[in-house]
PDB file of N, CA and C in Angstrom:
ATOM      1  N   MET A   1      37.557 -62.201 -53.334  1.00  0.00           N
ATOM      2  CA  MET A   1      36.283 -62.392 -54.164  1.00  0.00           C
ATOM      3  C   MET A   1      35.595 -61.863 -53.307  1.00  0.00           C
ATOM      4  N   SER A   2      35.008 -60.600 -54.064  1.00  0.00           N
ATOM      5  CA  SER A   2      33.826 -59.832 -53.348  1.00  0.00           C
ATOM      6  C   SER A   2      32.690 -60.044 -53.108  1.00  0.00           C
ATOM      7  N   VAL A   3      32.179 -59.450 -52.510  1.00  0.00           N
ATOM      8  CA  VAL A   3      30.671 -60.048 -51.618  1.00  0.00           C
ATOM      9  C   VAL A   3      29.451 -58.754 -52.252  1.00  0.00           C
ATOM     10  N   LEU A   4      28.411 -59.165 -52.964  1.00  0.00           N
ATOM     11  CA  LEU A   4      27.225 -57.986 -53.128  1.00  0.00           C
ATOM     12  C   LEU A   4      26.252 -58.729 -51.825  1.00  0.00           C
ATOM     13  N   SER A   5      25.876 -57.643 -51.469  1.00  0.00           N
ATOM     14  CA  SER A   5      24.666 -58.476 -49.926  1.00  0.00           C
ATOM     15  C   SER A   5      23.419 -57.171 -50.714  1.00  0.00           C
ATOM     16  N   THR A   6      22.143 -57.363 -50.883  1.00  0.00           N
ATOM     17  CA  THR A   6      20.774 -56.481 -50.879  1.00  0.00           C
ATOM     18  C   THR A   6      20.017 -57.210 -49.612  1.00  0.00           C
ATOM     19  N   ILE A   7      19.380 -56.178 -49.609  1.00  0.00           N
ATOM     20  CA  ILE A   7      18.404 -56.518 -48.595  1.00  0.00           C
ATOM     21  C   ILE A   7      16.853 -55.199 -48.760  1.00  0.00           C
ATOM     22  N   THR A   8      15.614 -55.600 -48.979  1.00  0.00           N
ATOM     23  CA  THR A   8      14.834 -55.121 -49.347  1.00  0.00           C
ATOM     24  C   THR A   8      13.604 -55.280 -48.130  1.00  0.00           C
ATOM     25  N   VAL A   9      13.350 -54.167 -47.518  1.00  0.00           N
ATOM     26  CA  VAL A   9      12.711 -54.637 -46.226  1.00  0.00           C
ATOM     27  C   VAL A   9      11.064 -53.372 -46.203  1.00  0.00           C
ATOM     28  N   SER A  10      10.001 -54.098 -46.016  1.00  0.00           N
ATOM     29  CA  SER A  10       8.843 -53.531 -45.742  1.00  0.00           C
ATOM     30  C   SER A  10       8.537 -53.351 -44.349  1.00  0.00           C
ATOM     31  N   LEU A  11       8.048 -52.178 -43.613  1.00  0.00           N
ATOM     32  CA  LEU A  11       7.913 -51.976 -42.225  1.00  0.00           C
ATOM     33  C   LEU A  11       6.349 -51.944 -42.340  1.00  0.00           C
ATOM     34  N   ARG A  12       6.055 -51.925 -40.835  1.00  0.00           N
ATOM     35  CA  ARG A  12       4.335 -52.450 -40.661  1.00  0.00           C
ATOM     36  C   ARG A  12       3.627 -51.152 -40.561  1.00  0.00           C
ATOM     37  N   ASP A  13       4.629 -50.262 -40.077  1.00  0.00           N
ATOM     38  CA  ASP A  13       3.493 -49.016 -39.869  1.00  0.00           C
ATOM     39  C   ASP A  13       4.586 -47.820 -39.776  1.00  0.00           C
ATOM     40  N   GLU A  14       4.102 -46.741 -39.660  1.00  0.00           N
ATOM     41  CA  GLU A  14       5.073 -45.102 -39.382  1.00  0.00           C
ATOM     42  C   GLU A  14       6.163 -45.344 -38.068  1.00  0.00           C
ATOM     43  N   ALA A  15       5.416 -46.211 -37.133  1.00  0.00           N
ATOM     44  CA  ALA A  15       6.351 -46.171 -35.702  1.00  0.00           C
ATOM     45  C   ALA A  15       7.169 -47.387 -36.179  1.00  0.00           C
ATOM     46  N   ALA A  16       6.982 -48.244 -37.074  1.00  0.00           N
ATOM     47  CA  ALA A  16       8.030 -49.243 -37.454  1.00  0.00           C
ATOM     48  C   ALA A  16       8.988 -49.045 -38.011  1.00  0.00           C
ATOM     49  N   GLU A  17       8.517 -47.929 -39.384  1.00  0.00           N
ATOM     50  CA  GLU A  17       9.442 -47.256 -39.998  1.00  0.00           C
ATOM     51  C   GLU A  17      10.421 -46.388 -38.933  1.00  0.00           C
ATOM     52  N   ALA A  18      10.346 -45.546 -38.444  1.00  0.00           N
ATOM     53  CA  ALA A  18      10.994 -44.725 -37.703  1.00  0.00           C
ATOM     54  C   ALA A  18      11.945 -45.121 -36.694  1.00  0.00           C
ATOM     55  N   ALA A  19      11.433 -46.577 -36.146  1.00  0.00           N
ATOM     56  CA  ALA A  19      12.663 -47.184 -35.100  1.00  0.00           C
ATOM     57  C   ALA A  19      13.606 -47.881 -36.639  1.00  0.00           C
ATOM     58  N   PHE A  20      12.912 -48.184 -37.796  1.00  0.00           N
ATOM     59  CA  PHE A  20      14.150 -48.697 -38.695  1.00  0.00           C
ATOM     60  C   PHE A  20      14.995 -47.474 -38.934  1.00  0.00           C
ATOM     61  N   VAL A  21      14.599 -46.455 -39.362  1.00  0.00           N
ATOM     62  CA  VAL A  21      15.377 -45.504 -39.768  1.00  0.00           C
ATOM     63  C   VAL A  21      16.288 -45.304 -38.660  1.00  0.00           C
ATOM     64  N   ASP A  22      15.947 -45.194 -37.342  1.00  0.00           N
ATOM     65  CA  ASP A  22      17.124 -44.555 -36.268  1.00  0.00           C
ATOM     66  C   ASP A  22      17.715 -45.946 -36.255  1.00  0.00           C
ATOM     67  N   ALA A  23      17.410 -47.027 -36.177  1.00  0.00           N
ATOM     68  CA  ALA A  23      18.852 -48.368 -35.979  1.00  0.00           C
ATOM     69  C   ALA A  23      19.374 -47.778 -37.409  1.00  0.00           C
ATOM     70  N   PHE A  24      18.840 -48.066 -38.793  1.00  0.00           N
ATOM     71  CA  PHE A  24      19.754 -47.788 -39.516  1.00  0.00           C
ATOM     72  C   PHE A  24      20.820 -46.933 -39.239  1.00  0.00           C
ATOM     73  N   THR A  25      20.252 -45.616 -39.141  1.00  0.00           N
ATOM     74  CA  THR A  25      21.429 -44.098 -39.138  1.00  0.00           C
ATOM     75  C   THR A  25      22.405 -44.480 -38.174  1.00  0.00           C
ATOM     76  N   LYS A  26      22.178 -45.469 -37.096  1.00  0.00           N
ATOM     77  CA  LYS A  26      23.229 -45.570 -35.993  1.00  0.00           C
ATOM     78  C   LYS A  26      24.207 -46.764 -36.743  1.00  0.00           C
ATOM     79  N   ALA A  27      23.722 -47.736 -37.342  1.00  0.00           N
ATOM     80  CA  ALA A  27      24.321 -48.682 -38.054  1.00  0.00           C
ATOM     81  C   ALA A  27      25.165 -48.082 -39.120  1.00  0.00           C
ATOM     82  N   LEU A  28      24.615 -47.529 -39.763  1.00  0.00           N
ATOM     83  CA  LEU A  28      25.245 -46.549 -40.923  1.00  0.00           C
ATOM     84  C   LEU A  28      26.609 -45.786 -40.118  1.00  0.00           C
ATOM     85  N   GLY A  29      26.398 -45.302 -38.876  1.00  0.00           N
ATOM     86  CA  GLY A  29      27.376 -44.734 -38.393  1.00  0.00           C
ATOM     87  C   GLY A  29      28.824 -45.466 -38.043  1.00  0.00           C
ATOM     88  N   ALA A  30      28.521 -46.693 -37.443  1.00  0.00           N
ATOM     89  CA  ALA A  30      29.311 -47.357 -37.155  1.00  0.00           C
ATOM     90  C   ALA A  30      30.091 -48.215 -38.246  1.00  0.00           C
ATOM     91  N   THR A  31      29.226 -48.006 -39.509  1.00  0.00           N
ATOM     92  CA  THR A  31      30.077 -48.629 -40.644  1.00  0.00           C
ATOM     93  C   THR A  31      31.305 -47.686 -41.243  1.00  0.00           C
ATOM     94  N   GLU A  32      31.241 -46.478 -40.894  1.00  0.00           N
ATOM     95  CA  GLU A  32      31.895 -45.334 -41.533  1.00  0.00           C
ATOM     96  C   GLU A  32      33.537 -46.140 -41.014  1.00  0.00           C
ATOM     97  N   GLY A  33      34.543 -46.171 -42.553  1.00  0.00           N
ATOM     98  CA  GLY A  33      35.633 -46.765 -42.198  1.00  0.00           C
ATOM     99  C   GLY A  33      36.187 -48.070 -41.355  1.00  0.00           C
ATOM    100  N   PHE A  34      34.992 -48.995 -41.716  1.00  0.00           N
ATOM    101  CA  PHE A  34      35.054 -50.131 -41.115  1.00  0.00           C
ATOM    102  C   PHE A  34      35.668 -50.885 -42.522  1.00  0.00           C
ATOM    103  N   PRO A  35      36.448 -51.793 -42.289  1.00  0.00           N
ATOM    104  CA  PRO A  35      37.916 -52.604 -43.216  1.00  0.00           C
ATOM    105  C   PRO A  35      36.999 -53.440 -43.750  1.00  0.00           C
ATOM    106  N   GLY A  36      36.887 -53.268 -45.203  1.00  0.00           N
ATOM    107  CA  GLY A  36      36.553 -54.335 -46.219  1.00  0.00           C
ATOM    108  C   GLY A  36      35.002 -53.372 -46.655  1.00  0.00           C
ATOM    109  N   LEU A  37      34.823 -53.004 -46.331  1.00  0.00           N
ATOM    110  CA  LEU A  37      33.741 -52.368 -46.927  1.00  0.00           C
ATOM    111  C   LEU A  37      33.487 -51.311 -48.018  1.00  0.00           C
ATOM    112  N   GLU A  38      33.211 -51.624 -49.305  1.00  0.00           N
ATOM    113  CA  GLU A  38      33.572 -50.881 -50.235  1.00  0.00           C
ATOM    114  C   GLU A  38      32.475 -49.607 -50.761  1.00  0.00           C
ATOM    115  N   LYS A  39      31.380 -50.194 -50.144  1.00  0.00           N
ATOM    116  CA  LYS A  39      30.104 -49.660 -50.640  1.00  0.00           C
ATOM    117  C   LYS A  39      28.834 -49.734 -50.209  1.00  0.00           C
ATOM    118  N   LEU A  40      28.432 -48.494 -49.680  1.00  0.00           N
ATOM    119  CA  LEU A  40      26.756 -48.834 -49.044  1.00  0.00           C
ATOM    120  C   LEU A  40      26.051 -47.916 -49.516  1.00  0.00           C
ATOM    121  N   ILE A  41      24.764 -48.412 -50.302  1.00  0.00           N
ATOM    122  CA  ILE A  41      23.998 -47.683 -50.552  1.00  0.00           C
ATOM    123  C   ILE A  41      22.647 -48.027 -50.087  1.00  0.00           C
ATOM    124  N   ALA A  42      22.159 -46.720 -49.311  1.00  0.00           N
ATOM    125  CA  ALA A  42      20.436 -47.032 -48.390  1.00  0.00           C
ATOM    126  C   ALA A  42      19.696 -45.922 -49.403  1.00  0.00           C
ATOM    127  N   ALA A  43      18.429 -46.973 -49.498  1.00  0.00           N
ATOM    128  CA  ALA A  43      17.280 -46.006 -50.160  1.00  0.00           C
ATOM    129  C   ALA A  43      15.749 -46.200 -50.012  1.00  0.00           C
ATOM    130  N   LYS A  44      15.166 -45.703 -50.345  1.00  0.00           N
ATOM    131  CA  LYS A  44      13.653 -45.632 -49.931  1.00  0.00           C
ATOM    132  C   LYS A  44      12.952 -45.751 -51.139  1.00  0.00           C
ATOM    133  N   VAL A  45      12.510 -47.131 -51.202  1.00  0.00           N
ATOM    134  CA  VAL A  45      11.658 -47.371 -52.550  1.00  0.00           C
ATOM    135  C   VAL A  45      10.874 -46.640 -53.149  1.00  0.00           C
ATOM    136  N   ILE A  46      10.765 -45.864 -54.030  1.00  0.00           N
ATOM    137  CA  ILE A  46       9.913 -45.020 -54.639  1.00  0.00           C
ATOM    138  C   ILE A  46       8.457 -45.943 -54.936  1.00  0.00           C
ATOM    139  N   ALA A  47       7.441 -45.249 -54.847  1.00  0.00           N
ATOM    140  CA  ALA A  47       6.340 -45.920 -54.777  1.00  0.00           C
ATOM    141  C   ALA A  47       5.696 -47.084 -54.351  1.00  0.00           C
ATOM    142  N   ALA A  48       6.768 -47.450 -52.938  1.00  0.00           N
ATOM    143  CA  ALA A  48       6.162 -48.318 -51.912  1.00  0.00           C
ATOM    144  C   ALA A  48       6.549 -47.670 -50.514  1.00  0.00           C
ATOM    145  N   ASP A  49       5.311 -47.694 -50.085  1.00  0.00           N
ATOM    146  CA  ASP A  49       5.419 -46.924 -48.972  1.00  0.00           C
ATOM    147  C   ASP A  49       6.071 -47.839 -47.553  1.00  0.00           C
ATOM    148  N   ARG A  50       6.985 -47.312 -46.409  1.00  0.00           N
ATOM    149  CA  ARG A  50       7.644 -48.041 -46.005  1.00  0.00           C
ATOM    150  C   ARG A  50       8.675 -48.853 -46.314  1.00  0.00           C
ATOM    151  N   THR A  51       9.203 -48.589 -47.373  1.00  0.00           N
ATOM    152  CA  THR A  51       9.744 -49.914 -48.192  1.00  0.00           C
ATOM    153  C   THR A  51      11.511 -49.375 -48.366  1.00  0.00           C
ATOM    154  N   TYR A  52      12.415 -49.931 -48.143  1.00  0.00           N
ATOM    155  CA  TYR A  52      13.860 -49.668 -48.062  1.00  0.00           C
ATOM    156  C   TYR A  52      14.643 -50.476 -48.820  1.00  0.00           C
ATOM    157  N   HIS A  53      15.704 -50.173 -49.781  1.00  0.00           N
ATOM    158  CA  HIS A  53      16.570 -51.096 -50.157  1.00  0.00           C
ATOM    159  C   HIS A  53      18.204 -50.949 -49.621  1.00  0.00           C
ATOM    160  N   LEU A  54      18.584 -52.074 -49.144  1.00  0.00           N
ATOM    161  CA  LEU A  54      20.184 -51.743 -48.733  1.00  0.00           C
ATOM    162  C   LEU A  54      20.800 -52.142 -49.451  1.00  0.00           C
ATOM    163  N   HIS A  55      22.074 -51.541 -50.378  1.00  0.00           N
ATOM    164  CA  HIS A  55      23.033 -52.522 -50.734  1.00  0.00           C
ATOM    165  C   HIS A  55      24.643 -52.057 -50.317  1.00  0.00           C
ATOM    166  N   THR A  56      25.489 -53.281 -49.894  1.00  0.00           N
ATOM    167  CA  THR A  56      26.775 -53.253 -49.836  1.00  0.00           C
ATOM    168  C   THR A  56      27.574 -53.917 -50.944  1.00  0.00           C
ATOM    169  N   GLU A  57      28.752 -53.488 -50.362  1.00  0.00           N
ATOM    170  CA  GLU A  57      29.558 -54.379 -51.263  1.00  0.00           C
ATOM    171  C   GLU A  57      30.720 -54.749 -50.633  1.00  0.00           C
ATOM    172  N   TRP A  58      31.064 -55.893 -50.452  1.00  0.00           N
ATOM    173  CA  TRP A  58      32.592 -55.997 -49.672  1.00  0.00           C
ATOM    174  C   TRP A  58      33.744 -56.636 -50.034  1.00  0.00           C
ATOM    175  N   THR A  59      34.489 -56.413 -49.935  1.00  0.00           N
ATOM    176  CA  THR A  59      36.113 -56.919 -50.366  1.00  0.00           C
ATOM    177  C   THR A  59      36.279 -58.324 -50.106  1.00  0.00           C
ATOM    178  N   SER A  60      35.253 -59.015 -49.598  1.00  0.00           N
ATOM    179  CA  SER A  60      35.607 -60.552 -49.266  1.00  0.00           C
ATOM    180  C   SER A  60      34.442 -60.856 -48.076  1.00  0.00           C
ATOM    181  N   PRO A  61      34.347 -62.391 -48.334  1.00  0.00           N
ATOM    182  CA  PRO A  61      32.936 -62.846 -46.968  1.00  0.00           C
ATOM    183  C   PRO A  61      33.669 -62.982 -45.989  1.00  0.00           C
ATOM    184  N   ASP A  62      34.852 -62.720 -45.574  1.00  0.00           N
ATOM    185  CA  ASP A  62      35.621 -62.495 -44.316  1.00  0.00           C
ATOM    186  C   ASP A  62      35.401 -61.094 -43.476  1.00  0.00           C
ATOM    187  N   ALA A  63      35.297 -59.886 -44.561  1.00  0.00           N
ATOM    188  CA  ALA A  63      34.883 -58.581 -44.198  1.00  0.00           C
ATOM    189  C   ALA A  63      33.471 -58.438 -44.181  1.00  0.00           C
ATOM    190  N   MET A  64      32.883 -59.216 -44.958  1.00  0.00           N
ATOM    191  CA  MET A  64      31.442 -59.106 -44.334  1.00  0.00           C
ATOM    192  C   MET A  64      31.168 -59.838 -43.101  1.00  0.00           C
ATOM    193  N   ASN A  65      31.827 -60.922 -42.995  1.00  0.00           N
ATOM    194  CA  ASN A  65      31.675 -61.663 -41.721  1.00  0.00           C
ATOM    195  C   ASN A  65      31.955 -61.091 -40.513  1.00  0.00           C
ATOM    196  N   SER A  66      33.285 -59.983 -40.564  1.00  0.00           N
ATOM    197  CA  SER A  66      33.770 -59.598 -39.672  1.00  0.00           C
ATOM    198  C   SER A  66      32.908 -58.287 -38.887  1.00  0.00           C
ATOM    199  N   TRP A  67      32.014 -57.454 -40.304  1.00  0.00           N
ATOM    200  CA  TRP A  67      31.166 -56.747 -39.676  1.00  0.00           C
ATOM    201  C   TRP A  67      30.333 -57.167 -39.319  1.00  0.00           C
ATOM    202  N   GLN A  68      29.465 -58.513 -39.408  1.00  0.00           N
ATOM    203  CA  GLN A  68      28.303 -59.156 -38.401  1.00  0.00           C
ATOM    204  C   GLN A  68      28.811 -59.679 -37.232  1.00  0.00           C
ATOM    205  N   SER A  69      29.733 -59.816 -37.019  1.00  0.00           N
ATOM    206  CA  SER A  69      30.321 -60.156 -36.044  1.00  0.00           C
ATOM    207  C   SER A  69      30.863 -59.283 -35.096  1.00  0.00           C
ATOM    208  N   ASP A  70      31.051 -57.902 -35.611  1.00  0.00           N
ATOM    209  CA  ASP A  70      31.404 -56.719 -34.813  1.00  0.00           C
ATOM    210  C   ASP A  70      30.047 -56.345 -33.363  1.00  0.00           C
ATOM    211  N   PRO A  71      30.526 -56.101 -32.317  1.00  0.00           N
ATOM    212  CA  PRO A  71      29.774 -55.736 -31.473  1.00  0.00           C
ATOM    213  C   PRO A  71      29.044 -54.457 -31.357  1.00  0.00           C
ATOM    214  N   SER A  72      29.541 -53.512 -32.450  1.00  0.00           N
ATOM    215  CA  SER A  72      28.731 -52.475 -32.800  1.00  0.00           C
ATOM    216  C   SER A  72      27.608 -52.679 -33.730  1.00  0.00           C
ATOM    217  N   TYR A  73      27.817 -53.579 -34.462  1.00  0.00           N
ATOM    218  CA  TYR A  73      26.543 -54.176 -35.483  1.00  0.00           C
ATOM    219  C   TYR A  73      25.497 -54.882 -34.888  1.00  0.00           C
ATOM    220  N   ARG A  74      26.183 -55.812 -34.006  1.00  0.00           N
ATOM    221  CA  ARG A  74      25.403 -56.907 -33.119  1.00  0.00           C
ATOM    222  C   ARG A  74      24.707 -56.245 -32.195  1.00  0.00           C
ATOM    223  N   SER A  75      24.974 -54.918 -31.261  1.00  0.00           N
ATOM    224  CA  SER A  75      23.891 -54.334 -30.525  1.00  0.00           C
ATOM    225  C   SER A  75      22.993 -53.745 -31.158  1.00  0.00           C
ATOM    226  N   ILE A  76      23.134 -53.314 -31.956  1.00  0.00           N
ATOM    227  CA  ILE A  76      22.298 -52.140 -32.716  1.00  0.00           C
ATOM    228  C   ILE A  76      21.557 -53.368 -33.631  1.00  0.00           C
ATOM    229  N   ARG A  77      21.601 -54.262 -34.082  1.00  0.00           N
ATOM    230  CA  ARG A  77      20.997 -55.211 -34.760  1.00  0.00           C
ATOM    231  C   ARG A  77      19.982 -56.326 -33.563  1.00  0.00           C
ATOM    232  N   ASP A  78      20.604 -56.467 -32.605  1.00  0.00           N
ATOM    233  CA  ASP A  78      19.381 -57.206 -31.616  1.00  0.00           C
ATOM    234  C   ASP A  78      18.583 -56.298 -30.897  1.00  0.00           C
ATOM    235  N   ALA A  79      19.051 -54.869 -30.661  1.00  0.00           N
ATOM    236  CA  ALA A  79      18.061 -54.015 -30.147  1.00  0.00           C
ATOM    237  C   ALA A  79      17.012 -53.432 -30.704  1.00  0.00           C
ATOM    238  N   PHE A  80      16.960 -53.966 -32.356  1.00  0.00           N
ATOM    239  CA  PHE A  80      15.534 -53.530 -33.127  1.00  0.00           C
ATOM    240  C   PHE A  80      14.821 -54.567 -33.147  1.00  0.00           C
ATOM    241  N   ASP A  81      13.398 -54.279 -32.660  1.00  0.00           N
ATOM    242  CA  ASP A  81      12.684 -55.497 -32.710  1.00  0.00           C
ATOM    243  C   ASP A  81      12.035 -55.946 -34.533  1.00  0.00           C
ATOM    244  N   VAL A  82      12.158 -57.129 -34.698  1.00  0.00           N
ATOM    245  CA  VAL A  82      11.624 -57.823 -35.898  1.00  0.00           C
ATOM    246  C   VAL A  82      10.785 -57.705 -36.332  1.00  0.00           C
ATOM    247  N   THR A  83       9.573 -57.745 -35.256  1.00  0.00           N
ATOM    248  CA  THR A  83       8.364 -57.794 -35.377  1.00  0.00           C
ATOM    249  C   THR A  83       7.429 -56.826 -36.079  1.00  0.00           C
ATOM    250  N   LEU A  84       8.406 -55.468 -36.062  1.00  0.00           N
ATOM    251  CA  LEU A  84       8.046 -54.461 -37.075  1.00  0.00           C
ATOM    252  C   LEU A  84       8.271 -54.177 -38.543  1.00  0.00           C
ATOM    253  N   VAL A  85       9.012 -55.563 -38.876  1.00  0.00           N
ATOM    254  CA  VAL A  85       8.974 -55.519 -40.243  1.00  0.00           C
ATOM    255  C   VAL A  85       7.884 -56.569 -40.732  1.00  0.00           C
ATOM    256  N   ALA A  86       7.641 -56.075 -41.940  1.00  0.00           N
ATOM    257  CA  ALA A  86       6.434 -56.561 -42.722  1.00  0.00           C
ATOM    258  C   ALA A  86       6.891 -57.697 -43.359  1.00  0.00           C
ATOM    259  N   GLU A  87       7.859 -57.322 -44.232  1.00  0.00           N
ATOM    260  CA  GLU A  87       8.015 -58.321 -45.301  1.00  0.00           C
ATOM    261  C   GLU A  87       9.982 -57.861 -45.304  1.00  0.00           C
ATOM    262  N   ILE A  88      10.835 -59.188 -45.715  1.00  0.00           N
ATOM    263  CA  ILE A  88      12.126 -58.729 -45.858  1.00  0.00           C
ATOM    264  C   ILE A  88      12.250 -59.662 -47.203  1.00  0.00           C
ATOM    265  N   GLU A  89      13.651 -59.236 -47.735  1.00  0.00           N
ATOM    266  CA  GLU A  89      14.182 -60.503 -48.982  1.00  0.00           C
ATOM    267  C   GLU A  89      15.386 -60.198 -49.094  1.00  0.00           C
ATOM    268  N   MET A  90      16.270 -60.786 -48.702  1.00  0.00           N
ATOM    269  CA  MET A  90      17.701 -60.574 -48.902  1.00  0.00           C
ATOM    270  C   MET A  90      18.516 -61.551 -49.799  1.00  0.00           C
ATOM    271  N   SER A  91      19.384 -61.294 -50.475  1.00  0.00           N
ATOM    272  CA  SER A  91      20.316 -62.140 -51.056  1.00  0.00           C
ATOM    273  C   SER A  91      21.748 -61.235 -51.195  1.00  0.00           C
ATOM    274  N   ARG A  92      22.673 -62.457 -51.504  1.00  0.00           N
ATOM    275  CA  ARG A  92      24.069 -62.067 -51.672  1.00  0.00           C
ATOM    276  C   ARG A  92      24.671 -62.977 -52.779  1.00  0.00           C
ATOM    277  N   TRP A  93      25.556 -62.543 -53.297  1.00  0.00           N
ATOM    278  CA  TRP A  93      26.300 -62.760 -54.440  1.00  0.00           C
ATOM    279  C   TRP A  93      27.722 -62.750 -53.966  1.00  0.00           C
ATOM    280  N   THR A  94      28.777 -63.653 -54.919  1.00  0.00           N
ATOM    281  CA  THR A  94      30.060 -63.473 -54.683  1.00  0.00           C
ATOM    282  C   THR A  94      30.727 -63.168 -56.095  1.00  0.00           C
ATOM    283  N   SER A  95      31.542 -62.376 -56.363  1.00  0.00           N
ATOM    284  CA  SER A  95      32.288 -62.505 -57.648  1.00  0.00           C
ATOM    285  C   SER A  95      32.743 -63.992 -58.146  1.00  0.00           C
ATOM    286  N   ALA A  96      32.842 -63.442 -59.460  1.00  0.00           N
ATOM    287  CA  ALA A  96      33.137 -65.043 -60.260  1.00  0.00           C
ATOM    288  C   ALA A  96      34.501 -65.194 -60.395  1.00  0.00           C
ATOM    289  N   SER A  97      35.410 -63.559 -60.059  1.00  0.00           N
ATOM    290  CA  SER A  97      36.843 -63.903 -60.104  1.00  0.00           C
ATOM    291  C   SER A  97      37.341 -64.175 -58.600  1.00  0.00           C
TER     292      SER A  97
END
Protein backbone atom coordinates (compact mmCIF):
# COMPACT_ATOMS: atom_id res chain seq x y z
CA MET A 1 0.00 0.00 0.00
CA SER A 2 1.65 3.25 -1.12
CA VAL A 3 1.46 6.55 0.76
CA LEU A 4 1.14 10.03 -0.74
CA SER A 5 2.13 12.95 1.47
CA THR A 6 1.68 16.65 0.75
CA ILE A 7 2.76 19.69 2.71
CA THR A 8 2.08 23.31 1.81
CA VAL A 9 4.03 25.74 3.95
CA SER A 10 4.07 29.56 4.04
CA LEU A 11 6.96 31.35 5.74
CA ARG A 12 6.76 34.53 7.82
CA ASP A 13 9.36 36.64 6.02
CA GLU A 14 12.38 36.51 3.70
CA ALA A 15 14.74 35.35 6.46
CA ALA A 16 12.33 32.54 7.33
CA GLU A 17 12.12 31.58 3.67
CA ALA A 18 15.91 31.44 3.39
CA ALA A 19 16.12 29.21 6.51
CA PHE A 20 13.41 26.92 5.13
CA VAL A 21 15.08 26.59 1.73
CA ASP A 22 18.40 25.79 3.44
CA ALA A 23 16.81 23.12 5.67
CA PHE A 24 14.84 21.64 2.79
CA THR A 25 17.93 21.49 0.57
CA LYS A 26 19.73 19.51 3.29
CA ALA A 27 16.74 17.17 3.68
CA LEU A 28 16.53 16.71 -0.08
CA GLY A 29 20.16 15.61 -0.18
CA ALA A 30 19.50 13.12 2.61
CA THR A 31 16.59 11.54 0.71
CA GLU A 32 18.77 10.57 -2.27
CA GLY A 33 18.53 6.81 -2.60
CA PHE A 34 16.44 6.46 0.56
CA PRO A 35 14.64 3.07 0.45
CA GLY A 36 10.95 3.34 -0.34
CA LEU A 37 10.89 6.92 -1.64
CA GLU A 38 9.38 6.76 -5.11
CA LYS A 39 8.93 10.45 -5.89
CA LEU A 40 9.65 13.82 -4.31
CA ILE A 41 8.43 17.06 -5.84
CA ALA A 42 9.16 20.44 -4.31
CA ALA A 43 7.82 23.61 -5.85
CA LYS A 44 7.46 27.27 -5.01
CA VAL A 45 3.78 28.16 -5.35
CA ILE A 46 3.07 30.68 -8.12
CA ALA A 47 1.52 33.97 -6.95
CA ALA A 48 1.88 33.06 -3.27
CA ASP A 49 4.81 34.79 -1.59
CA ARG A 50 7.10 32.56 0.48
CA THR A 51 4.89 29.48 -0.05
CA TYR A 52 6.13 26.02 -1.01
CA HIS A 53 4.40 22.74 -1.84
CA LEU A 54 6.11 19.41 -1.14
CA HIS A 55 4.78 16.11 -2.46
CA THR A 56 6.24 12.69 -1.71
CA GLU A 57 5.23 9.20 -2.75
CA TRP A 58 6.34 6.25 -0.60
CA THR A 59 6.10 2.53 -1.32
CA SER A 60 4.49 1.90 2.08
CA PRO A 61 3.65 3.47 5.44
CA ASP A 62 6.69 1.65 6.88
CA ALA A 63 8.99 3.31 4.32
CA MET A 64 7.64 6.78 5.19
CA ASN A 65 7.91 6.07 8.93
CA SER A 66 11.48 4.85 8.43
CA TRP A 67 12.38 8.20 6.83
CA GLN A 68 10.71 10.15 9.62
CA SER A 69 12.68 8.11 12.18
CA ASP A 70 15.98 8.39 10.32
CA PRO A 71 18.63 10.39 12.26
CA SER A 72 19.48 12.45 9.14
CA TYR A 73 15.91 13.65 8.77
CA ARG A 74 15.34 14.16 12.48
CA SER A 75 18.46 16.32 12.95
CA ILE A 76 17.48 18.59 10.05
CA ARG A 77 13.85 18.79 11.20
CA ASP A 78 14.78 19.46 14.83
CA ALA A 79 17.23 22.22 13.86
CA PHE A 80 14.55 24.16 11.94
CA ASP A 81 12.82 26.90 13.95
CA VAL A 82 9.10 26.19 13.47
CA THR A 83 8.19 29.70 14.63
CA LEU A 84 9.32 30.83 11.15
CA VAL A 85 6.26 29.12 9.65
CA ALA A 86 3.22 31.34 9.12
CA GLU A 87 0.92 28.54 7.97
CA ILE A 88 1.17 24.84 7.19
CA GLU A 89 -1.23 22.27 5.77
CA MET A 90 -0.38 18.56 5.68
CA SER A 91 -2.27 15.62 4.22
CA ARG A 92 -1.54 11.92 3.73
CA TRP A 93 -3.33 9.32 1.66
CA THR A 94 -2.95 5.59 1.10
CA SER A 95 -3.75 3.74 -2.09
CA ALA A 96 -6.98 1.76 -2.27
CA SER A 97 -5.15 -1.44 -3.25
